[in-house]
Amino acid sequence: MKVIAITSGVAKSPEDEIERVAEVVKALKRYNVNVPIGVAVYPTRNSTKLLKEAGAVEHKYNVETMD
């Protein structure tokens, strides 16, 4: 495996989803610290910091707009 990509929706709230994804990233890093992990999530105030601290190296944020 060369890379892991995690894409997420919002089950309860964006903040809860960031916490859940951060925990998943931490768990994956315990098994293989050399595989880069990227995440695609709905952004929150602290999401970049929390995901970086968890070990995610790529952050893609879902931003929706209406015409």
N, C-alpha and C. Protein backbone atom coordinates (compact mmCIF):
# COMPACT_ATOMS: atom_id res chain seq x y z
N MET A 1 0.85 -1.16 0.00
CA MET A 1 0.00 0.00 0.00
C MET A 1 0.90 1.24 0.00
N LYS A 2 0.60 2.18 -0.90
CA LYS A 2 1.44 3.38 -1.02
C LYS A 2 0.85 4.60 -0.35
N VAL A 3 -0.48 4.65 -0.25
CA VAL A 3 -1.14 5.81 0.34
C VAL A 3 -2.53 5.41 0.82
N ILE A 4 -3.03 6.13 1.83
CA ILE A 4 -4.39 5.91 2.32
C ILE A 4 -5.15 7.22 2.16
N ALA A 5 -6.36 7.14 1.59
CA ALA A 5 -7.22 8.32 1.44
C ALA A 5 -8.53 8.06 2.16
N ILE A 6 -8.91 8.98 3.03
CA ILE A 6 -10.15 8.86 3.79
C ILE A 6 -11.07 9.99 3.37
N THR A 7 -12.27 9.63 2.95
CA THR A 7 -13.29 10.62 2.59
C THR A 7 -14.44 10.46 3.58
N SER A 8 -14.96 11.59 4.05
CA SER A 8 -15.97 11.53 5.09
C SER A 8 -17.15 12.43 4.78
N GLY A 9 -18.29 12.05 5.32
CA GLY A 9 -19.48 12.91 5.29
C GLY A 9 -19.67 13.50 6.68
N VAL A 10 -20.87 13.94 6.97
CA VAL A 10 -21.16 14.49 8.30
C VAL A 10 -22.35 13.73 8.88
N ALA A 11 -22.10 12.90 9.89
CA ALA A 11 -23.17 12.12 10.52
C ALA A 11 -23.92 12.95 11.56
N LYS A 12 -23.18 13.56 12.50
CA LYS A 12 -23.80 14.36 13.56
C LYS A 12 -23.50 15.84 13.35
N SER A 13 -22.22 16.17 13.43
CA SER A 13 -21.79 17.55 13.24
C SER A 13 -20.40 17.53 12.61
N PRO A 14 -19.99 18.61 11.94
CA PRO A 14 -18.64 18.65 11.38
C PRO A 14 -17.56 18.43 12.44
N GLU A 15 -17.76 18.99 13.63
CA GLU A 15 -16.77 18.84 14.70
C GLU A 15 -16.64 17.38 15.14
N ASP A 16 -17.77 16.70 15.30
CA ASP A 16 -17.73 15.28 15.66
C ASP A 16 -17.04 14.45 14.58
N GLU A 17 -17.27 14.81 13.34
CA GLU A 17 -16.67 14.07 12.23
C GLU A 17 -15.16 14.25 12.20
N ILE A 18 -14.69 15.46 12.47
CA ILE A 18 -13.24 15.71 12.52
C ILE A 18 -12.61 14.87 13.62
N GLU A 19 -13.24 14.83 14.79
CA GLU A 19 -12.72 14.01 15.89
C GLU A 19 -12.67 12.54 15.51
N ARG A 20 -13.71 12.06 14.85
CA ARG A 20 -13.77 10.65 14.43
C ARG A 20 -12.68 10.34 13.41
N VAL A 21 -12.53 11.20 12.42
CA VAL A 21 -11.51 10.98 11.39
C VAL A 21 -10.11 11.06 12.01
N ALA A 22 -9.89 11.98 12.93
CA ALA A 22 -8.58 12.09 13.60
C ALA A 22 -8.26 10.80 14.35
N GLU A 23 -9.24 10.21 15.01
CA GLU A 23 -9.02 8.94 15.72
C GLU A 23 -8.70 7.81 14.75
N VAL A 24 -9.36 7.79 13.60
CA VAL A 24 -9.08 6.77 12.59
C VAL A 24 -7.65 6.94 12.07
N VAL A 25 -7.25 8.17 11.80
CA VAL A 25 -5.88 8.43 11.32
C VAL A 25 -4.86 7.97 12.36
N LYS A 26 -5.08 8.30 13.62
CA LYS A 26 -4.16 7.87 14.69
C LYS A 26 -4.06 6.35 14.74
N ALA A 27 -5.18 5.67 14.63
CA ALA A 27 -5.18 4.20 14.66
C ALA A 27 -4.41 3.63 13.48
N LEU A 28 -4.61 4.19 12.30
CA LEU A 28 -3.89 3.71 11.12
C LEU A 28 -2.39 3.95 11.24
N LYS A 29 -1.99 5.08 11.80
CA LYS A 29 -0.58 5.41 11.95
C LYS A 29 0.13 4.42 12.88
N ARG A 30 -0.60 3.84 13.83
CA ARG A 30 0.00 2.85 14.73
C ARG A 30 0.45 1.60 13.97
N TYR A 31 -0.24 1.30 12.88
CA TYR A 31 0.09 0.11 12.11
C TYR A 31 1.17 0.35 11.07
N ASN A 32 1.21 1.54 10.49
CA ASN A 32 2.22 1.82 9.47
C ASN A 32 2.46 3.32 9.40
N VAL A 33 3.54 3.76 10.02
CA VAL A 33 3.84 5.19 10.08
C VAL A 33 4.39 5.73 8.77
N ASN A 34 4.79 4.86 7.85
CA ASN A 34 5.41 5.32 6.60
C ASN A 34 4.43 5.56 5.45
N VAL A 35 3.19 5.14 5.61
CA VAL A 35 2.19 5.34 4.55
C VAL A 35 1.51 6.68 4.77
N PRO A 36 1.59 7.60 3.78
CA PRO A 36 0.92 8.89 3.94
C PRO A 36 -0.59 8.73 3.95
N ILE A 37 -1.24 9.51 4.81
CA ILE A 37 -2.70 9.47 4.93
C ILE A 37 -3.27 10.84 4.58
N GLY A 38 -4.21 10.84 3.64
CA GLY A 38 -4.91 12.06 3.26
C GLY A 38 -6.37 11.96 3.66
N VAL A 39 -6.97 13.09 3.97
CA VAL A 39 -8.37 13.11 4.38
C VAL A 39 -9.14 14.16 3.59
N ALA A 40 -10.41 13.86 3.32
CA ALA A 40 -11.32 14.82 2.68
C ALA A 40 -12.51 14.97 3.62
N VAL A 41 -12.62 16.14 4.24
CA VAL A 41 -13.63 16.37 5.28
C VAL A 41 -14.25 17.75 5.13
N TYR A 42 -15.33 17.98 5.87
CA TYR A 42 -15.94 19.30 5.95
C TYR A 42 -15.12 20.11 6.96
N PRO A 43 -14.63 21.30 6.61
CA PRO A 43 -13.73 22.03 7.50
C PRO A 43 -14.42 22.59 8.75
N THR A 44 -13.65 22.66 9.82
CA THR A 44 -14.09 23.31 11.05
C THR A 44 -12.98 24.26 11.49
N ARG A 45 -13.24 24.99 12.56
CA ARG A 45 -12.26 25.97 13.05
C ARG A 45 -10.89 25.36 13.31
N ASN A 46 -10.83 24.18 13.93
CA ASN A 46 -9.55 23.58 14.32
C ASN A 46 -9.20 22.33 13.51
N SER A 47 -9.89 22.08 12.42
CA SER A 47 -9.69 20.82 11.70
C SER A 47 -8.27 20.64 11.18
N THR A 48 -7.66 21.67 10.65
CA THR A 48 -6.30 21.53 10.12
C THR A 48 -5.34 21.10 11.22
N LYS A 49 -5.40 21.77 12.35
CA LYS A 49 -4.52 21.46 13.48
C LYS A 49 -4.76 20.04 13.99
N LEU A 50 -6.01 19.68 14.21
CA LEU A 50 -6.33 18.36 14.76
C LEU A 50 -5.91 17.23 13.82
N LEU A 51 -6.17 17.41 12.54
CA LEU A 51 -5.82 16.36 11.58
C LEU A 51 -4.31 16.24 11.39
N LYS A 52 -3.62 17.37 11.40
CA LYS A 52 -2.15 17.34 11.29
C LYS A 52 -1.55 16.64 12.50
N GLU A 53 -2.04 16.98 13.69
CA GLU A 53 -1.55 16.33 14.91
C GLU A 53 -1.83 14.84 14.91
N ALA A 54 -2.93 14.43 14.29
CA ALA A 54 -3.28 13.01 14.21
C ALA A 54 -2.37 12.25 13.25
N GLY A 55 -1.77 12.97 12.28
CA GLY A 55 -0.87 12.32 11.33
C GLY A 55 -1.28 12.41 9.88
N ALA A 56 -2.36 13.11 9.58
CA ALA A 56 -2.77 13.28 8.18
C ALA A 56 -1.83 14.27 7.49
N VAL A 57 -1.38 13.92 6.30
CA VAL A 57 -0.43 14.78 5.59
C VAL A 57 -1.07 15.55 4.44
N GLU A 58 -2.29 15.18 4.08
CA GLU A 58 -3.01 15.89 3.03
C GLU A 58 -4.43 16.15 3.51
N HIS A 59 -4.86 17.41 3.40
CA HIS A 59 -6.21 17.79 3.83
C HIS A 59 -6.94 18.39 2.64
N LYS A 60 -8.06 17.77 2.29
CA LYS A 60 -8.91 18.30 1.22
C LYS A 60 -10.23 18.66 1.86
N TYR A 61 -10.64 19.91 1.69
CA TYR A 61 -11.86 20.37 2.34
C TYR A 61 -13.01 20.47 1.37
N ASN A 62 -14.17 19.99 1.82
CA ASN A 62 -15.40 20.03 1.04
C ASN A 62 -16.07 21.39 1.26
N VAL A 63 -16.14 22.18 0.23
CA VAL A 63 -16.80 23.48 0.31
C VAL A 63 -17.90 23.50 -0.75
N GLU A 64 -19.13 23.63 -0.31
CA GLU A 64 -20.26 23.65 -1.24
C GLU A 64 -20.81 25.07 -1.34
N THR A 65 -21.20 25.44 -2.54
CA THR A 65 -21.79 26.76 -2.76
C THR A 65 -23.09 26.61 -3.53
N MET A 66 -23.90 27.62 -3.43
CA MET A 66 -25.16 27.62 -4.18
C MET A 66 -25.14 28.80 -5.13
N ASP A 67 -25.73 28.63 -6.30
CA ASP A 67 -25.83 29.73 -7.26
C ASP A 67 -27.04 30.58 -6.95
